[in-house]
Amino acid sequence: EGNIDLDDSIKSFEEGVMLVKECQKIISEAELKVNKLLD
């Protein structure tokens, strides 16, 4: 939307990066479980 100031944009971006990392971790753990089951 672009209707937020720079400080809020940076804070939101930082939060987004943390959320992406959290999602990637969950996906990686799920992939490991599936691979273990297949193996």
Full PDB file with SEQRES, HELIX, SHEET, SSBOND, CRYST1, ORIGX, SCALE, CONECT and MASTER records, all heavy atoms in Angstrom:
SEQRES   1 A   39  GLU GLY ASN ILE ASP LEU ASP ASP SER ILE LYS SER PHE          
SEQRES   2 A   39  GLU GLU GLY VAL MET LEU VAL LYS GLU CYS GLN LYS ILE          
SEQRES   3 A   39  ILE SER GLU ALA GLU LEU LYS VAL ASN LYS LEU LEU ASP          
HELIX    1 AA1 LEU A    6  LEU A   38  1                                  33    
CRYST1    1.000    1.000    1.000  90.00  90.00  90.00 P 1           1          
ORIGX1      1.000000  0.000000  0.000000        0.00000                         
ORIGX2      0.000000  1.000000  0.000000        0.00000                         
ORIGX3      0.000000  0.000000  1.000000        0.00000                         
SCALE1      1.000000  0.000000  0.000000        0.00000                         
SCALE2      0.000000  1.000000  0.000000        0.00000                         
SCALE3      0.000000  0.000000  1.000000        0.00000                         
ATOM      1  N   GLU A   1       0.830  -1.205   0.000  1.00  0.00           N  
ATOM      2  CA  GLU A   1       0.000   0.000   0.000  1.00  0.00           C  
ATOM      3  C   GLU A   1       0.864   1.254   0.000  1.00  0.00           C  
ATOM      4  O   GLU A   1       0.511   2.254  -0.611  1.00  0.00           O  
ATOM      5  CB  GLU A   1      -0.926   0.020   1.217  1.00  0.00           C  
ATOM      6  CG  GLU A   1      -2.066  -0.951   1.140  1.00  0.00           C  
ATOM      7  CD  GLU A   1      -2.893  -0.974   2.422  1.00  0.00           C  
ATOM      8  OE1 GLU A   1      -2.661  -0.128   3.308  1.00  0.00           O  
ATOM      9  OE2 GLU A   1      -3.765  -1.839   2.513  1.00  0.00           O  
ATOM     10  N   GLY A   2       1.976   1.187   0.723  1.00  0.00           N  
ATOM     11  CA  GLY A   2       2.902   2.312   0.761  1.00  0.00           C  
ATOM     12  C   GLY A   2       2.448   3.477   1.606  1.00  0.00           C  
ATOM     13  O   GLY A   2       2.988   4.573   1.495  1.00  0.00           O  
ATOM     14  N   ASN A   3       1.474   3.264   2.463  1.00  0.00           N  
ATOM     15  CA  ASN A   3       0.939   4.350   3.287  1.00  0.00           C  
ATOM     16  C   ASN A   3       1.536   4.387   4.694  1.00  0.00           C  
ATOM     17  O   ASN A   3       0.922   4.947   5.597  1.00  0.00           O  
ATOM     18  CB  ASN A   3      -0.591   4.231   3.401  1.00  0.00           C  
ATOM     19  CG  ASN A   3      -1.277   4.387   2.067  1.00  0.00           C  
ATOM     20  OD1 ASN A   3      -0.782   5.092   1.191  1.00  0.00           O  
ATOM     21  ND2 ASN A   3      -2.403   3.722   1.898  1.00  0.00           N  
ATOM     22  N   ILE A   4       2.708   3.815   4.876  1.00  0.00           N  
ATOM     23  CA  ILE A   4       3.334   3.823   6.193  1.00  0.00           C  
ATOM     24  C   ILE A   4       4.696   4.499   6.088  1.00  0.00           C  
ATOM     25  O   ILE A   4       5.315   4.520   5.020  1.00  0.00           O  
ATOM     26  CB  ILE A   4       3.459   2.397   6.786  1.00  0.00           C  
ATOM     27  CG1 ILE A   4       4.275   1.470   5.887  1.00  0.00           C  
ATOM     28  CG2 ILE A   4       2.091   1.788   7.030  1.00  0.00           C  
ATOM     29  CD1 ILE A   4       4.521   0.097   6.486  1.00  0.00           C  
ATOM     30  N   ASP A   5       5.127   5.044   7.197  1.00  0.00           N  
ATOM     31  CA  ASP A   5       6.402   5.766   7.180  1.00  0.00           C  
ATOM     32  C   ASP A   5       7.582   4.793   7.139  1.00  0.00           C  
ATOM     33  O   ASP A   5       7.419   3.583   7.271  1.00  0.00           O  
ATOM     34  CB  ASP A   5       6.521   6.738   8.352  1.00  0.00           C  
ATOM     35  CG  ASP A   5       6.496   6.058   9.714  1.00  0.00           C  
ATOM     36  OD1 ASP A   5       7.006   4.928   9.828  1.00  0.00           O  
ATOM     37  OD2 ASP A   5       5.984   6.668  10.673  1.00  0.00           O  
ATOM     38  N   LEU A   6       8.754   5.328   6.945  1.00  0.00           N  
ATOM     39  CA  LEU A   6       9.957   4.512   6.772  1.00  0.00           C  
ATOM     40  C   LEU A   6      10.243   3.627   7.981  1.00  0.00           C  
ATOM     41  O   LEU A   6      10.551   2.439   7.832  1.00  0.00           O  
ATOM     42  CB  LEU A   6      11.165   5.414   6.478  1.00  0.00           C  
ATOM     43  CG  LEU A   6      12.490   4.699   6.229  1.00  0.00           C  
ATOM     44  CD1 LEU A   6      12.376   3.758   5.036  1.00  0.00           C  
ATOM     45  CD2 LEU A   6      13.599   5.714   6.023  1.00  0.00           C  
ATOM     46  N   ASP A   7      10.138   4.188   9.190  1.00  0.00           N  
ATOM     47  CA  ASP A   7      10.409   3.388  10.392  1.00  0.00           C  
ATOM     48  C   ASP A   7       9.467   2.201  10.504  1.00  0.00           C  
ATOM     49  O   ASP A   7       9.894   1.081  10.803  1.00  0.00           O  
ATOM     50  CB  ASP A   7      10.319   4.249  11.657  1.00  0.00           C  
ATOM     51  CG  ASP A   7      11.500   5.183  11.821  1.00  0.00           C  
ATOM     52  OD1 ASP A   7      12.573   4.891  11.256  1.00  0.00           O  
ATOM     53  OD2 ASP A   7      11.341   6.199  12.523  1.00  0.00           O  
ATOM     54  N   ASP A   8       8.183   2.436  10.263  1.00  0.00           N  
ATOM     55  CA  ASP A   8       7.214   1.343  10.326  1.00  0.00           C  
ATOM     56  C   ASP A   8       7.454   0.330   9.204  1.00  0.00           C  
ATOM     57  O   ASP A   8       7.259  -0.869   9.385  1.00  0.00           O  
ATOM     58  CB  ASP A   8       5.783   1.873  10.264  1.00  0.00           C  
ATOM     59  CG  ASP A   8       5.350   2.550  11.548  1.00  0.00           C  
ATOM     60  OD1 ASP A   8       5.966   2.280  12.606  1.00  0.00           O  
ATOM     61  OD2 ASP A   8       4.401   3.358  11.503  1.00  0.00           O  
ATOM     62  N   SER A   9       7.872   0.831   8.037  1.00  0.00           N  
ATOM     63  CA  SER A   9       8.184  -0.069   6.923  1.00  0.00           C  
ATOM     64  C   SER A   9       9.329  -0.999   7.291  1.00  0.00           C  
ATOM     65  O   SER A   9       9.278  -2.198   7.025  1.00  0.00           O  
ATOM     66  CB  SER A   9       8.566   0.726   5.674  1.00  0.00           C  
ATOM     67  OG  SER A   9       7.476   1.430   5.178  1.00  0.00           O  
ATOM     68  N   ILE A  10      10.355  -0.438   7.897  1.00  0.00           N  
ATOM     69  CA  ILE A  10      11.514  -1.246   8.288  1.00  0.00           C  
ATOM     70  C   ILE A  10      11.133  -2.263   9.352  1.00  0.00           C  
ATOM     71  O   ILE A  10      11.511  -3.436   9.269  1.00  0.00           O  
ATOM     72  CB  ILE A  10      12.669  -0.343   8.762  1.00  0.00           C  
ATOM     73  CG1 ILE A  10      13.220   0.447   7.577  1.00  0.00           C  
ATOM     74  CG2 ILE A  10      13.779  -1.158   9.414  1.00  0.00           C  
ATOM     75  CD1 ILE A  10      14.188   1.544   7.946  1.00  0.00           C  
ATOM     76  N   LYS A  11      10.351  -1.834  10.338  1.00  0.00           N  
ATOM     77  CA  LYS A  11       9.905  -2.766  11.387  1.00  0.00           C  
ATOM     78  C   LYS A  11       9.071  -3.891  10.791  1.00  0.00           C  
ATOM     79  O   LYS A  11       9.228  -5.062  11.147  1.00  0.00           O  
ATOM     80  CB  LYS A  11       9.107  -2.024  12.457  1.00  0.00           C  
ATOM     81  CG  LYS A  11       9.961  -1.154  13.346  1.00  0.00           C  
ATOM     82  CD  LYS A  11       9.107  -0.402  14.345  1.00  0.00           C  
ATOM     83  CE  LYS A  11       9.948   0.580  15.151  1.00  0.00           C  
ATOM     84  NZ  LYS A  11       9.123   1.423  16.031  1.00  0.00           N  
ATOM     85  N   SER A  12       8.176  -3.531   9.877  1.00  0.00           N  
ATOM     86  CA  SER A  12       7.333  -4.542   9.236  1.00  0.00           C  
ATOM     87  C   SER A  12       8.166  -5.497   8.398  1.00  0.00           C  
ATOM     88  O   SER A  12       7.936  -6.718   8.398  1.00  0.00           O  
ATOM     89  CB  SER A  12       6.281  -3.868   8.355  1.00  0.00           C  
ATOM     90  OG  SER A  12       5.376  -3.133   9.130  1.00  0.00           O  
ATOM     91  N   PHE A  13       9.144  -4.950   7.684  1.00  0.00           N  
ATOM     92  CA  PHE A  13      10.023  -5.791   6.877  1.00  0.00           C  
ATOM     93  C   PHE A  13      10.799  -6.762   7.757  1.00  0.00           C  
ATOM     94  O   PHE A  13      10.910  -7.955   7.436  1.00  0.00           O  
ATOM     95  CB  PHE A  13      10.984  -4.914   6.061  1.00  0.00           C  
ATOM     96  CG  PHE A  13      11.872  -5.706   5.156  1.00  0.00           C  
ATOM     97  CD1 PHE A  13      11.400  -6.203   3.949  1.00  0.00           C  
ATOM     98  CD2 PHE A  13      13.186  -5.960   5.511  1.00  0.00           C  
ATOM     99  CE1 PHE A  13      12.220  -6.939   3.115  1.00  0.00           C  
ATOM    100  CE2 PHE A  13      14.011  -6.699   4.680  1.00  0.00           C  
ATOM    101  CZ  PHE A  13      13.531  -7.191   3.475  1.00  0.00           C  
ATOM    102  N   GLU A  14      11.331  -6.275   8.865  1.00  0.00           N  
ATOM    103  CA  GLU A  14      12.066  -7.144   9.794  1.00  0.00           C  
ATOM    104  C   GLU A  14      11.171  -8.256  10.321  1.00  0.00           C  
ATOM    105  O   GLU A  14      11.591  -9.422  10.394  1.00  0.00           O  
ATOM    106  CB  GLU A  14      12.615  -6.330  10.967  1.00  0.00           C  
ATOM    107  CG  GLU A  14      13.771  -5.433  10.606  1.00  0.00           C  
ATOM    108  CD  GLU A  14      14.223  -4.534  11.750  1.00  0.00           C  
ATOM    109  OE1 GLU A  14      13.418  -4.230  12.657  1.00  0.00           O  
ATOM    110  OE2 GLU A  14      15.389  -4.133  11.732  1.00  0.00           O  
ATOM    111  N   GLU A  15       9.947  -7.911  10.684  1.00  0.00           N  
ATOM    112  CA  GLU A  15       9.011  -8.925  11.163  1.00  0.00           C  
ATOM    113  C   GLU A  15       8.720  -9.945  10.063  1.00  0.00           C  
ATOM    114  O   GLU A  15       8.663 -11.149  10.304  1.00  0.00           O  
ATOM    115  CB  GLU A  15       7.709  -8.275  11.635  1.00  0.00           C  
ATOM    116  CG  GLU A  15       6.719  -9.265  12.198  1.00  0.00           C  
ATOM    117  CD  GLU A  15       5.404  -8.622  12.654  1.00  0.00           C  
ATOM    118  OE1 GLU A  15       5.258  -7.394  12.551  1.00  0.00           O  
ATOM    119  OE2 GLU A  15       4.536  -9.387  13.113  1.00  0.00           O  
ATOM    120  N   GLY A  16       8.570  -9.451   8.835  1.00  0.00           N  
ATOM    121  CA  GLY A  16       8.322 -10.337   7.705  1.00  0.00           C  
ATOM    122  C   GLY A  16       9.465 -11.306   7.477  1.00  0.00           C  
ATOM    123  O   GLY A  16       9.244 -12.493   7.211  1.00  0.00           O  
ATOM    124  N   VAL A  17      10.692 -10.820   7.577  1.00  0.00           N  
ATOM    125  CA  VAL A  17      11.863 -11.686   7.406  1.00  0.00           C  
ATOM    126  C   VAL A  17      11.869 -12.777   8.469  1.00  0.00           C  
ATOM    127  O   VAL A  17      12.131 -13.950   8.181  1.00  0.00           O  
ATOM    128  CB  VAL A  17      13.166 -10.856   7.447  1.00  0.00           C  
ATOM    129  CG1 VAL A  17      14.383 -11.751   7.564  1.00  0.00           C  
ATOM    130  CG2 VAL A  17      13.266  -9.964   6.216  1.00  0.00           C  
ATOM    131  N   MET A  18      11.556 -12.411   9.703  1.00  0.00           N  
ATOM    132  CA  MET A  18      11.509 -13.411  10.784  1.00  0.00           C  
ATOM    133  C   MET A  18      10.418 -14.444  10.513  1.00  0.00           C  
ATOM    134  O   MET A  18      10.618 -15.640  10.742  1.00  0.00           O  
ATOM    135  CB  MET A  18      11.284 -12.725  12.133  1.00  0.00           C  
ATOM    136  CG  MET A  18      12.489 -11.960  12.593  1.00  0.00           C  
ATOM    137  SD  MET A  18      12.408 -11.113  14.210  1.00  0.00           S  
ATOM    138  CE  MET A  18      10.887 -11.571  14.943  1.00  0.00           C  
ATOM    139  N   LEU A  19       9.273 -13.997  10.018  1.00  0.00           N  
ATOM    140  CA  LEU A  19       8.184 -14.924   9.722  1.00  0.00           C  
ATOM    141  C   LEU A  19       8.554 -15.869   8.578  1.00  0.00           C  
ATOM    142  O   LEU A  19       8.236 -17.059   8.621  1.00  0.00           O  
ATOM    143  CB  LEU A  19       6.905 -14.147   9.382  1.00  0.00           C  
ATOM    144  CG  LEU A  19       6.247 -13.428  10.550  1.00  0.00           C  
ATOM    145  CD1 LEU A  19       5.181 -12.460  10.050  1.00  0.00           C  
ATOM    146  CD2 LEU A  19       5.633 -14.430  11.520  1.00  0.00           C  
ATOM    147  N   VAL A  20       9.234 -15.350   7.559  1.00  0.00           N  
ATOM    148  CA  VAL A  20       9.670 -16.197   6.448  1.00  0.00           C  
ATOM    149  C   VAL A  20      10.617 -17.272   6.961  1.00  0.00           C  
ATOM    150  O   VAL A  20      10.496 -18.449   6.604  1.00  0.00           O  
ATOM    151  CB  VAL A  20      10.342 -15.352   5.337  1.00  0.00           C  
ATOM    152  CG1 VAL A  20      11.096 -16.235   4.356  1.00  0.00           C  
ATOM    153  CG2 VAL A  20       9.305 -14.513   4.616  1.00  0.00           C  
ATOM    154  N   LYS A  21      11.565 -16.882   7.811  1.00  0.00           N  
ATOM    155  CA  LYS A  21      12.509 -17.855   8.365  1.00  0.00           C  
ATOM    156  C   LYS A  21      11.782 -18.920   9.186  1.00  0.00           C  
ATOM    157  O   LYS A  21      12.110 -20.105   9.127  1.00  0.00           O  
ATOM    158  CB  LYS A  21      13.561 -17.151   9.219  1.00  0.00           C  
ATOM    159  CG  LYS A  21      14.556 -16.366   8.398  1.00  0.00           C  
ATOM    160  CD  LYS A  21      15.578 -15.674   9.274  1.00  0.00           C  
ATOM    161  CE  LYS A  21      16.568 -14.882   8.433  1.00  0.00           C  
ATOM    162  NZ  LYS A  21      17.602 -14.228   9.231  1.00  0.00           N  
ATOM    163  N   GLU A  22      10.782 -18.490   9.955  1.00  0.00           N  
ATOM    164  CA  GLU A  22      10.001 -19.438  10.759  1.00  0.00           C  
ATOM    165  C   GLU A  22       9.255 -20.419   9.857  1.00  0.00           C  
ATOM    166  O   GLU A  22       9.252 -21.628  10.101  1.00  0.00           O  
ATOM    167  CB  GLU A  22       9.001 -18.660  11.632  1.00  0.00           C  
ATOM    168  CG  GLU A  22       8.204 -19.513  12.572  1.00  0.00           C  
ATOM    169  CD  GLU A  22       7.273 -18.679  13.445  1.00  0.00           C  
ATOM    170  OE1 GLU A  22       7.656 -17.572  13.859  1.00  0.00           O  
ATOM    171  OE2 GLU A  22       6.153 -19.149  13.700  1.00  0.00           O  
ATOM    172  N   CYS A  23       8.651 -19.907   8.786  1.00  0.00           N  
ATOM    173  CA  CYS A  23       7.933 -20.775   7.847  1.00  0.00           C  
ATOM    174  C   CYS A  23       8.888 -21.737   7.157  1.00  0.00           C  
ATOM    175  O   CYS A  23       8.573 -22.923   6.989  1.00  0.00           O  
ATOM    176  CB  CYS A  23       7.183 -19.939   6.810  1.00  0.00           C  
ATOM    177  SG  CYS A  23       5.738 -19.070   7.458  1.00  0.00           S  
ATOM    178  N   GLN A  24      10.061 -21.250   6.757  1.00  0.00           N  
ATOM    179  CA  GLN A  24      11.046 -22.113   6.116  1.00  0.00           C  
ATOM    180  C   GLN A  24      11.494 -23.228   7.052  1.00  0.00           C  
ATOM    181  O   GLN A  24      11.678 -24.367   6.630  1.00  0.00           O  
ATOM    182  CB  GLN A  24      12.256 -21.298   5.665  1.00  0.00           C  
ATOM    183  CG  GLN A  24      11.975 -20.425   4.465  1.00  0.00           C  
ATOM    184  CD  GLN A  24      13.143 -19.522   4.102  1.00  0.00           C  
ATOM    185  OE1 GLN A  24      13.909 -19.110   4.960  1.00  0.00           O  
ATOM    186  NE2 GLN A  24      13.266 -19.203   2.829  1.00  0.00           N  
ATOM    187  N   LYS A  25      11.647 -22.911   8.328  1.00  0.00           N  
ATOM    188  CA  LYS A  25      12.048 -23.920   9.312  1.00  0.00           C  
ATOM    189  C   LYS A  25      10.971 -25.003   9.444  1.00  0.00           C  
ATOM    190  O   LYS A  25      11.279 -26.191   9.469  1.00  0.00           O  
ATOM    191  CB  LYS A  25      12.299 -23.254  10.667  1.00  0.00           C  
ATOM    192  CG  LYS A  25      12.732 -24.216  11.737  1.00  0.00           C  
ATOM    193  CD  LYS A  25      12.946 -23.518  13.055  1.00  0.00           C  
ATOM    194  CE  LYS A  25      13.242 -24.540  14.141  1.00  0.00           C  
ATOM    195  NZ  LYS A  25      13.148 -23.977  15.473  1.00  0.00           N  
ATOM    196  N   ILE A  26       9.723 -24.584   9.505  1.00  0.00           N  
ATOM    197  CA  ILE A  26       8.620 -25.542   9.627  1.00  0.00           C  
ATOM    198  C   ILE A  26       8.551 -26.438   8.401  1.00  0.00           C  
ATOM    199  O   ILE A  26       8.372 -27.658   8.506  1.00  0.00           O  
ATOM    200  CB  ILE A  26       7.278 -24.809   9.867  1.00  0.00           C  
ATOM    201  CG1 ILE A  26       7.292 -24.125  11.239  1.00  0.00           C  
ATOM    202  CG2 ILE A  26       6.097 -25.774   9.748  1.00  0.00           C  
ATOM    203  CD1 ILE A  26       6.150 -23.152  11.470  1.00  0.00           C  
ATOM    204  N   ILE A  27       8.728 -25.843   7.219  1.00  0.00           N  
ATOM    205  CA  ILE A  27       8.703 -26.623   5.977  1.00  0.00           C  
ATOM    206  C   ILE A  27       9.866 -27.603   5.942  1.00  0.00           C  
ATOM    207  O   ILE A  27       9.698 -28.771   5.571  1.00  0.00           O  
ATOM    208  CB  ILE A  27       8.721 -25.688   4.747  1.00  0.00           C  
ATOM    209  CG1 ILE A  27       7.378 -24.962   4.639  1.00  0.00           C  
ATOM    210  CG2 ILE A  27       9.014 -26.468   3.471  1.00  0.00           C  
ATOM    211  CD1 ILE A  27       7.357 -23.859   3.609  1.00  0.00           C  
ATOM    212  N   SER A  28      11.044 -27.165   6.342  1.00  0.00           N  
ATOM    213  CA  SER A  28      12.216 -28.051   6.364  1.00  0.00           C  
ATOM    214  C   SER A  28      12.001 -29.223   7.304  1.00  0.00           C  
ATOM    215  O   SER A  28      12.350 -30.371   6.981  1.00  0.00           O  
ATOM    216  CB  SER A  28      13.466 -27.279   6.792  1.00  0.00           C  
ATOM    217  OG  SER A  28      13.821 -26.328   5.826  1.00  0.00           O  
ATOM    218  N   GLU A  29      11.430 -28.959   8.472  1.00  0.00           N  
ATOM    219  CA  GLU A  29      11.148 -30.033   9.427  1.00  0.00           C  
ATOM    220  C   GLU A  29      10.144 -31.026   8.857  1.00  0.00           C  
ATOM    221  O   GLU A  29      10.291 -32.236   9.031  1.00  0.00           O  
ATOM    222  CB  GLU A  29      10.643 -29.447  10.749  1.00  0.00           C  
ATOM    223  CG  GLU A  29      11.714 -28.711  11.529  1.00  0.00           C  
ATOM    224  CD  GLU A  29      11.181 -27.945  12.736  1.00  0.00           C  
ATOM    225  OE1 GLU A  29       9.943 -27.884  12.936  1.00  0.00           O  
ATOM    226  OE2 GLU A  29      12.013 -27.388  13.473  1.00  0.00           O  
ATOM    227  N   ALA A  30       9.140 -30.510   8.160  1.00  0.00           N  
ATOM    228  CA  ALA A  30       8.147 -31.389   7.549  1.00  0.00           C  
ATOM    229  C   ALA A  30       8.783 -32.241   6.453  1.00  0.00           C  
ATOM    230  O   ALA A  30       8.495 -33.442   6.344  1.00  0.00           O  
ATOM    231  CB  ALA A  30       6.995 -30.564   6.984  1.00  0.00           C  
ATOM    232  N   GLU A  31       9.656 -31.629   5.648  1.00  0.00           N  
ATOM    233  CA  GLU A  31      10.349 -32.389   4.603  1.00  0.00           C  
ATOM    234  C   GLU A  31      11.209 -33.496   5.199  1.00  0.00           C  
ATOM    235  O   GLU A  31      11.249 -34.609   4.671  1.00  0.00           O  
ATOM    236  CB  GLU A  31      11.227 -31.458   3.759  1.00  0.00           C  
ATOM    237  CG  GLU A  31      10.434 -30.572   2.826  1.00  0.00           C  
ATOM    238  CD  GLU A  31      11.311 -29.577   2.073  1.00  0.00           C  
ATOM    239  OE1 GLU A  31      12.453 -29.284   2.512  1.00  0.00           O  
ATOM    240  OE2 GLU A  31      10.845 -29.078   1.036  1.00  0.00           O  
ATOM    241  N   LEU A  32      11.901 -33.209   6.291  1.00  0.00           N  
ATOM    242  CA  LEU A  32      12.715 -34.228   6.953  1.00  0.00           C  
ATOM    243  C   LEU A  32      11.858 -35.399   7.425  1.00  0.00           C  
ATOM    244  O   LEU A  32      12.242 -36.562   7.267  1.00  0.00           O  
ATOM    245  CB  LEU A  32      13.473 -33.632   8.134  1.00  0.00           C  
ATOM    246  CG  LEU A  32      14.679 -32.764   7.802  1.00  0.00           C  
ATOM    247  CD1 LEU A  32      15.218 -32.101   9.080  1.00  0.00           C  
ATOM    248  CD2 LEU A  32      15.766 -33.597   7.148  1.00  0.00           C  
ATOM    249  N   LYS A  33      10.704 -35.081   8.005  1.00  0.00           N  
ATOM    250  CA  LYS A  33       9.808 -36.147   8.478  1.00  0.00           C  
ATOM    251  C   LYS A  33       9.342 -37.016   7.324  1.00  0.00           C  
ATOM    252  O   LYS A  33       9.319 -38.250   7.423  1.00  0.00           O  
ATOM    253  CB  LYS A  33       8.599 -35.542   9.198  1.00  0.00           C  
ATOM    254  CG  LYS A  33       8.921 -34.990  10.557  1.00  0.00           C  
ATOM    255  CD  LYS A  33       7.678 -34.404  11.211  1.00  0.00           C  
ATOM    256  CE  LYS A  33       8.029 -33.762  12.541  1.00  0.00           C  
ATOM    257  NZ  LYS A  33       6.851 -33.163  13.195  1.00  0.00           N  
ATOM    258  N   VAL A  34       8.958 -36.370   6.213  1.00  0.00           N  
ATOM    259  CA  VAL A  34       8.490 -37.124   5.051  1.00  0.00           C  
ATOM    260  C   VAL A  34       9.614 -37.999   4.507  1.00  0.00           C  
ATOM    261  O   VAL A  34       9.405 -39.183   4.207  1.00  0.00           O  
ATOM    262  CB  VAL A  34       7.950 -36.172   3.955  1.00  0.00           C  
ATOM    263  CG1 VAL A  34       7.720 -36.913   2.639  1.00  0.00           C  
ATOM    264  CG2 VAL A  34       6.662 -35.507   4.424  1.00  0.00           C  
ATOM    265  N   ASN A  35      10.808 -37.424   4.397  1.00  0.00           N  
ATOM    266  CA  ASN A  35      11.953 -38.202   3.896  1.00  0.00           C  
ATOM    267  C   ASN A  35      12.281 -39.384   4.805  1.00  0.00           C  
ATOM    268  O   ASN A  35      12.595 -40.475   4.317  1.00  0.00           O  
ATOM    269  CB  ASN A  35      13.179 -37.311   3.709  1.00  0.00           C  
ATOM    270  CG  ASN A  35      13.048 -36.408   2.505  1.00  0.00           C  
ATOM    271  OD1 ASN A  35      12.348 -36.728   1.552  1.00  0.00           O  
ATOM    272  ND2 ASN A  35      13.704 -35.266   2.552  1.00  0.00           N  
ATOM    273  N   LYS A  36      12.188 -39.185   6.112  1.00  0.00           N  
ATOM    274  CA  LYS A  36      12.438 -40.296   7.049  1.00  0.00           C  
ATOM    275  C   LYS A  36      11.404 -41.397   6.859  1.00  0.00           C  
ATOM    276  O   LYS A  36      11.733 -42.582   6.892  1.00  0.00           O  
ATOM    277  CB  LYS A  36      12.415 -39.796   8.491  1.00  0.00           C  
ATOM    278  CG  LYS A  36      13.670 -39.070   8.896  1.00  0.00           C  
ATOM    279  CD  LYS A  36      13.606 -38.635  10.350  1.00  0.00           C  
ATOM    280  CE  LYS A  36      14.835 -37.847  10.742  1.00  0.00           C  
ATOM    281  NZ  LYS A  36      14.784 -37.384  12.138  1.00  0.00           N  
ATOM    282  N   LEU A  37      10.154 -41.000   6.681  1.00  0.00           N  
ATOM    283  CA  LEU A  37       9.099 -41.993   6.469  1.00  0.00           C  
ATOM    284  C   LEU A  37       9.330 -42.745   5.168  1.00  0.00           C  
ATOM    285  O   LEU A  37       9.158 -43.968   5.107  1.00  0.00           O  
ATOM    286  CB  LEU A  37       7.725 -41.326   6.463  1.00  0.00           C  
ATOM    287  CG  LEU A  37       7.227 -40.822   7.807  1.00  0.00           C  
ATOM    288  CD1 LEU A  37       5.973 -39.973   7.633  1.00  0.00           C  
ATOM    289  CD2 LEU A  37       6.938 -41.992   8.737  1.00  0.00           C  
ATOM    290  N   LEU A  38       9.707 -42.020   4.124  1.00  0.00           N  
ATOM    291  CA  LEU A  38       9.966 -42.679   2.843  1.00  0.00           C  
ATOM    292  C   LEU A  38      11.161 -43.612   2.937  1.00  0.00           C  
ATOM    293  O   LEU A  38      11.133 -44.723   2.401  1.00  0.00           O  
ATOM    294  CB  LEU A  38      10.199 -41.633   1.751  1.00  0.00           C  
ATOM    295  CG  LEU A  38       8.980 -40.819   1.321  1.00  0.00           C  
ATOM    296  CD1 LEU A  38       9.393 -39.702   0.377  1.00  0.00           C  
ATOM    297  CD2 LEU A  38       7.928 -41.709   0.689  1.00  0.00           C  
ATOM    298  N   ASP A  39      12.208 -43.183   3.606  1.00  0.00           N  
ATOM    299  CA  ASP A  39      13.420 -43.996   3.747  1.00  0.00           C  
ATOM    300  C   ASP A  39      13.168 -45.246   4.576  1.00  0.00           C  
ATOM    301  O   ASP A  39      13.770 -46.291   4.346  1.00  0.00           O  
ATOM    302  CB  ASP A  39      14.560 -43.187   4.368  1.00  0.00           C  
ATOM    303  CG  ASP A  39      15.107 -42.131   3.422  1.00  0.00           C  
ATOM    304  OD1 ASP A  39      14.840 -42.214   2.200  1.00  0.00           O  
ATOM    305  OD2 ASP A  39      15.798 -41.217   3.908  1.00  0.00           O  
TER     306      ASP A  39                                                      
MASTER        0    0    0    1    0    0    0    6  305    1    0    3          
END                                                                             
